[in-house]
């Protein structure tokens, strides 16, 4: 496994008025690893994801994504409040759709990053396979005239997109549900579908925001197996936010702990499990009391 960093976050700041949601957050994510970002409710975990994917414009710091053979300065691409001229506004309807439904701009996805949400955001009135086809609009032939004329190149691109969609449906065990409406699926199936949809964007790093929320133990174990398969068979790097500590400790190789917008610990699962600062943060106690 390569020890090269695929994601480097340095001194990330996110302020909402006078509230410091993130304060000098720094972390490194190794390529082809499974890492977790944990902490009590309100620690700033989802805010980090929103900054990574362009939902928020960070107040300060730097985010570098080393994927697709290049290094992308995410904050510069998305724009900093104090340098408005650097901001690249999405100009296409498809780009605005990407921002709303997929959690960031098309620029971030093209750089190799995708995410899922704590609150599932599927097109529930569309079929399962249609959800996966929509996710590929940045990769399929987007020439309007080719679509109107139904050219051989357009038909070939459509066929490839369909094959790609069914491949990921097979990975998440949803092939039998391909033609059902996404809103008719069980909660656990919708969770898996959202992961498949994110994978259809061909990321190299995927950020999963509480993927096991609301799942029973059997579903959580199946989800853990899918996440391991993504890393082992598809050279994917996984960064997840999760409150299920059993799942986090069993699949993660590196854990970063946030509390009140500050990184209080980072390391291997065993070290995190026994860290007095982490225990104190979760128990709401002083570190000296825990010790």
Protein backbone atom coordinates (compact mmCIF):
# COMPACT_ATOMS: atom_id res chain seq x y z
CA UNK A 1 0.00 0.00 0.00
CA UNK A 2 1.40 3.39 -0.96
CA UNK A 3 2.14 5.78 1.90
CA UNK A 4 1.74 8.81 -0.35
CA UNK A 5 -0.81 11.36 0.85
CA UNK A 6 -3.84 11.70 -1.39
CA UNK A 7 -5.29 14.51 0.74
CA UNK A 8 -3.42 17.20 2.67
CA UNK A 9 -5.36 19.65 4.84
CA UNK A 10 -3.31 22.37 6.50
CA UNK A 11 -4.58 24.91 9.06
CA UNK A 12 -8.17 24.79 7.78
CA UNK A 13 -10.40 27.51 9.20
CA UNK A 14 -14.17 27.90 8.88
CA UNK A 15 -15.93 30.78 10.60
CA UNK A 16 -19.66 31.52 10.63
CA UNK A 17 -19.75 35.09 11.84
CA UNK A 18 -18.15 34.98 15.28
CA UNK A 19 -18.40 31.19 15.57
CA UNK A 20 -15.25 29.22 14.80
CA UNK A 21 -16.58 25.93 13.45
CA UNK A 22 -13.07 24.81 12.47
CA UNK A 23 -9.92 26.20 14.01
CA UNK A 24 -6.53 25.31 12.53
CA UNK A 25 -7.51 21.78 11.43
CA UNK A 26 -4.68 19.82 9.79
CA UNK A 27 -4.76 16.20 8.63
CA UNK A 28 -3.18 13.87 6.08
CA UNK A 29 -4.96 10.95 4.39
CA UNK A 30 -2.80 8.19 2.89
CA UNK A 31 -3.59 6.85 -0.56
CA UNK A 32 -5.51 3.52 -0.60
CA UNK A 33 -6.31 3.76 3.10
CA UNK A 34 -9.51 3.67 5.16
CA UNK A 35 -9.49 6.60 7.56
CA UNK A 36 -12.11 7.93 9.95
CA UNK A 37 -12.97 11.40 11.21
CA UNK A 38 -14.72 11.11 14.56
CA UNK A 39 -15.78 13.29 17.47
CA UNK A 40 -18.81 14.28 19.56
CA UNK A 41 -21.86 15.87 17.94
CA UNK A 42 -21.06 19.40 16.79
CA UNK A 43 -17.32 18.79 16.65
CA UNK A 44 -17.10 20.05 13.04
CA UNK A 45 -16.80 16.77 11.14
CA UNK A 46 -19.39 17.48 8.44
CA UNK A 47 -18.06 21.03 8.14
CA UNK A 48 -14.70 19.53 7.14
CA UNK A 49 -16.45 17.45 4.44
CA UNK A 50 -18.34 20.52 3.22
CA UNK A 51 -15.07 22.42 2.85
CA UNK A 52 -13.41 19.51 1.05
CA UNK A 53 -16.19 19.22 -1.50
CA UNK A 54 -17.00 22.87 -2.12
CA UNK A 55 -20.24 23.15 -0.19
CA UNK A 56 -18.50 25.76 1.95
CA UNK A 57 -15.75 28.20 1.01
CA UNK A 58 -13.19 27.85 3.79
CA UNK A 59 -12.21 30.99 5.69
CA UNK A 60 -8.54 30.06 5.61
CA UNK A 61 -5.96 27.32 5.32
CA UNK A 62 -5.23 25.00 2.41
CA UNK A 63 -6.65 21.77 0.97
CA UNK A 64 -4.64 19.82 -1.57
CA UNK A 65 -6.00 16.76 -3.37
CA UNK A 66 -3.34 14.60 -5.01
CA UNK A 67 -5.42 12.55 -7.44
CA UNK A 68 -5.72 11.82 -11.16
CA UNK A 69 -1.96 12.32 -11.47
CA UNK A 70 -2.13 16.00 -10.49
CA UNK A 71 -2.28 18.15 -7.37
CA UNK A 72 -5.38 20.31 -7.04
CA UNK A 73 -5.49 23.24 -4.64
CA UNK A 74 -9.16 22.86 -3.70
CA UNK A 75 -9.52 26.14 -1.82
CA UNK A 76 -8.03 28.10 -4.74
CA UNK A 77 -10.34 26.32 -7.19
CA UNK A 78 -13.40 27.04 -5.09
CA UNK A 79 -12.35 30.52 -4.08
CA UNK A 80 -11.46 32.17 -0.80
CA UNK A 81 -13.67 34.95 0.61
CA UNK A 82 -10.71 37.33 0.69
CA UNK A 83 -9.78 36.56 -2.96
CA UNK A 84 -13.05 36.66 -4.90
CA UNK A 85 -11.29 36.88 -8.26
CA UNK A 86 -10.02 33.31 -7.77
CA UNK A 87 -13.54 31.88 -7.52
CA UNK A 88 -14.56 29.85 -10.56
CA UNK A 89 -18.36 29.91 -10.77
CA UNK A 90 -20.11 26.89 -12.29
CA UNK A 91 -21.66 28.09 -15.55
CA UNK A 92 -23.63 25.06 -16.65
CA UNK A 93 -26.96 23.74 -15.46
CA UNK A 94 -25.27 20.38 -14.94
CA UNK A 95 -22.70 22.00 -12.67
CA UNK A 96 -25.40 23.57 -10.50
CA UNK A 97 -27.15 20.20 -10.31
CA UNK A 98 -23.85 18.63 -9.24
CA UNK A 99 -23.43 21.21 -6.48
CA UNK A 100 -26.93 20.66 -5.12
CA UNK A 101 -27.17 16.87 -5.27
CA UNK A 102 -23.61 15.60 -5.06
CA UNK A 103 -22.13 17.95 -2.49
CA UNK A 104 -19.63 20.13 -4.29
CA UNK A 105 -18.74 21.45 -7.69
CA UNK A 106 -17.93 19.55 -10.85
CA UNK A 107 -14.40 20.91 -10.46
CA UNK A 108 -13.87 18.95 -7.23
CA UNK A 109 -15.23 15.78 -8.77
CA UNK A 110 -13.06 16.15 -11.83
CA UNK A 111 -10.13 16.38 -9.42
CA UNK A 112 -11.10 12.92 -8.08
CA UNK A 113 -13.23 13.40 -4.95
CA UNK A 114 -16.84 12.32 -4.27
CA UNK A 115 -19.02 12.11 -1.16
CA UNK A 116 -22.23 10.82 0.37
CA UNK A 117 -24.44 12.63 2.86
CA UNK A 118 -25.62 12.06 6.41
CA UNK A 119 -29.13 12.75 5.10
CA UNK A 120 -29.65 10.66 1.98
CA UNK A 121 -30.01 12.74 -1.21
CA UNK A 122 -31.30 10.46 -3.93
CA UNK A 123 -33.64 11.27 -6.83
CA UNK A 124 -36.42 9.28 -5.21
CA UNK A 125 -38.87 9.59 -8.12
CA UNK A 126 -36.31 8.15 -10.53
CA UNK A 127 -35.38 4.51 -10.86
CA UNK A 128 -32.32 3.07 -9.16
CA UNK A 129 -30.37 2.76 -12.42
CA UNK A 130 -31.41 6.26 -13.52
CA UNK A 131 -29.85 7.65 -10.34
CA UNK A 132 -26.56 6.09 -11.39
CA UNK A 133 -26.83 7.32 -14.98
CA UNK A 134 -27.43 10.91 -13.82
CA UNK A 135 -24.25 10.69 -11.76
CA UNK A 136 -22.26 10.06 -14.93
CA UNK A 137 -23.32 13.19 -16.77
CA UNK A 138 -19.82 14.65 -16.35
CA UNK A 139 -18.29 11.63 -18.11
CA UNK A 140 -20.78 10.64 -20.80
CA UNK A 141 -20.77 12.42 -24.19
CA UNK A 142 -22.38 15.81 -23.40
CA UNK A 143 -22.68 17.01 -26.98
CA UNK A 144 -26.33 18.03 -27.32
CA UNK A 145 -26.32 17.68 -31.10
CA UNK A 146 -24.91 14.13 -30.83
CA UNK A 147 -27.80 13.26 -28.52
CA UNK A 148 -30.40 14.76 -30.83
CA UNK A 149 -28.96 12.92 -33.84
CA UNK A 150 -28.37 9.75 -31.81
CA UNK A 151 -24.91 9.32 -33.29
CA UNK A 152 -22.93 6.05 -32.93
CA UNK A 153 -20.58 7.78 -30.50
CA UNK A 154 -23.49 8.90 -28.32
CA UNK A 155 -25.05 5.41 -28.33
CA UNK A 156 -21.70 3.91 -27.41
CA UNK A 157 -21.31 6.34 -24.51
CA UNK A 158 -24.83 5.52 -23.29
CA UNK A 159 -24.09 1.81 -23.41
CA UNK A 160 -20.86 2.25 -21.45
CA UNK A 161 -22.65 4.35 -18.82
CA UNK A 162 -25.30 1.65 -18.42
CA UNK A 163 -22.64 -1.06 -18.05
CA UNK A 164 -20.85 1.07 -15.47
CA UNK A 165 -24.09 1.60 -13.54
CA UNK A 166 -24.90 -2.12 -13.42
CA UNK A 167 -21.35 -2.93 -12.34
CA UNK A 168 -21.76 -0.80 -9.22
CA UNK A 169 -25.25 -2.11 -8.59
CA UNK A 170 -23.70 -5.56 -8.48
CA UNK A 171 -21.01 -4.42 -6.05
CA UNK A 172 -23.63 -3.07 -3.61
CA UNK A 173 -26.03 -5.98 -4.24
CA UNK A 174 -28.83 -3.94 -5.82
CA UNK A 175 -29.03 -5.41 -9.34
CA UNK A 176 -32.47 -6.88 -8.64
CA UNK A 177 -33.72 -3.40 -7.70
CA UNK A 178 -32.43 -1.64 -10.84
CA UNK A 179 -35.87 -0.68 -12.18
CA UNK A 180 -37.52 0.15 -8.87
CA UNK A 181 -37.99 3.76 -7.78
CA UNK A 182 -35.19 4.82 -5.45
CA UNK A 183 -37.77 6.05 -2.94
CA UNK A 184 -39.23 2.54 -2.65
CA UNK A 185 -36.01 1.01 -1.37
CA UNK A 186 -35.43 0.24 2.27
CA UNK A 187 -33.27 2.65 4.25
CA UNK A 188 -30.28 0.32 4.15
CA UNK A 189 -30.64 -0.15 0.38
CA UNK A 190 -30.79 3.62 -0.13
CA UNK A 191 -27.54 3.96 1.81
CA UNK A 192 -25.86 1.45 -0.51
CA UNK A 193 -27.35 3.12 -3.59
CA UNK A 194 -25.90 6.46 -2.56
CA UNK A 195 -22.45 4.88 -2.33
CA UNK A 196 -22.91 3.29 -5.78
CA UNK A 197 -23.98 6.65 -7.21
CA UNK A 198 -20.91 8.34 -5.78
CA UNK A 199 -18.71 5.59 -7.25
CA UNK A 200 -20.22 6.18 -10.69
CA UNK A 201 -18.43 9.53 -10.70
CA UNK A 202 -15.12 7.60 -10.80
CA UNK A 203 -13.50 9.10 -7.69
CA UNK A 204 -10.13 8.24 -6.22
CA UNK A 205 -11.16 9.51 -2.76
CA UNK A 206 -14.67 9.06 -1.37
CA UNK A 207 -15.96 10.81 1.75
CA UNK A 208 -18.74 8.92 3.52
CA UNK A 209 -20.79 10.97 6.00
CA UNK A 210 -22.21 8.57 8.61
CA UNK A 211 -22.84 5.71 6.17
CA UNK A 212 -23.98 3.33 8.96
CA UNK A 213 -26.47 5.75 10.52
CA UNK A 214 -29.80 3.98 11.02
CA UNK A 215 -28.50 0.54 10.01
CA UNK A 216 -28.91 -2.62 12.06
CA UNK A 217 -25.84 -4.73 13.00
CA UNK A 218 -26.18 -7.06 10.00
CA UNK A 219 -26.48 -4.14 7.58
CA UNK A 220 -23.51 -2.42 9.22
CA UNK A 221 -21.39 -5.55 8.78
CA UNK A 222 -22.40 -5.77 5.10
CA UNK A 223 -21.55 -2.09 4.65
CA UNK A 224 -18.13 -2.63 6.23
CA UNK A 225 -17.46 -5.42 3.73
CA UNK A 226 -18.40 -3.09 0.84
CA UNK A 227 -16.05 -0.37 2.12
CA UNK A 228 -13.18 -2.85 2.42
CA UNK A 229 -13.91 -4.07 -1.11
CA UNK A 230 -13.79 -0.51 -2.45
CA UNK A 231 -10.30 -0.10 -1.04
CA UNK A 232 -8.96 -3.60 -1.76
CA UNK A 233 -10.35 -4.16 -5.26
CA UNK A 234 -10.68 -0.64 -6.67
CA UNK A 235 -7.64 1.20 -5.24
CA UNK A 236 -9.98 3.68 -3.59
CA UNK A 237 -9.19 5.84 -0.59
CA UNK A 238 -12.01 6.10 1.95
CA UNK A 239 -12.53 8.84 4.53
CA UNK A 240 -15.60 8.37 6.71
CA UNK A 241 -17.43 10.14 9.49
CA UNK A 242 -19.09 7.62 11.77
CA UNK A 243 -20.50 7.34 15.30
CA UNK A 244 -20.53 3.53 15.31
CA UNK A 245 -17.23 3.03 17.15
CA UNK A 246 -17.32 -0.74 16.59
CA UNK A 247 -17.33 -0.17 12.84
CA UNK A 248 -14.72 2.59 13.02
CA UNK A 249 -12.28 0.52 15.06
CA UNK A 250 -12.73 -2.57 12.88
CA UNK A 251 -12.15 -1.06 9.44
CA UNK A 252 -10.07 2.10 9.98
CA UNK A 253 -6.30 2.24 9.77
CA UNK A 254 -6.03 5.89 10.80
CA UNK A 255 -8.39 7.97 12.93
CA UNK A 256 -8.57 11.75 13.37
CA UNK A 257 -10.54 13.08 16.35
CA UNK A 258 -12.20 16.50 16.34
CA UNK A 259 -13.66 18.36 19.32
CA UNK A 260 -15.11 21.87 19.05
CA UNK A 261 -13.45 22.35 15.67
CA UNK A 262 -9.98 21.36 16.84
CA UNK A 263 -7.99 18.16 16.17
CA UNK A 264 -7.33 16.65 19.60
CA UNK A 265 -5.82 13.32 18.50
CA UNK A 266 -4.77 11.36 15.42
CA UNK A 267 -3.34 7.88 15.05
CA UNK A 268 -4.04 4.17 14.88
CA UNK A 269 -7.31 2.78 16.36
CA UNK A 270 -5.64 1.30 19.45
CA UNK A 271 -3.95 4.58 20.34
CA UNK A 272 -7.18 6.53 19.86
CA UNK A 273 -9.17 4.05 21.95
CA UNK A 274 -6.90 4.66 24.95
CA UNK A 275 -6.27 8.39 24.55
CA UNK A 276 -7.47 10.28 27.67
CA UNK A 277 -8.30 13.40 25.61
CA UNK A 278 -10.58 11.38 23.33
CA UNK A 279 -12.29 9.63 26.22
CA UNK A 280 -12.79 12.95 28.01
CA UNK A 281 -14.31 14.54 24.88
CA UNK A 282 -16.85 11.74 24.51
CA UNK A 283 -17.68 11.57 28.22
CA UNK A 284 -17.85 15.33 28.63
CA UNK A 285 -15.32 15.09 31.45
CA UNK A 286 -12.00 16.73 32.23
CA UNK A 287 -8.91 14.89 31.00
CA UNK A 288 -7.57 14.71 34.57
CA UNK A 289 -10.76 12.97 35.73
CA UNK A 290 -10.40 10.32 33.01
CA UNK A 291 -6.73 9.79 33.88
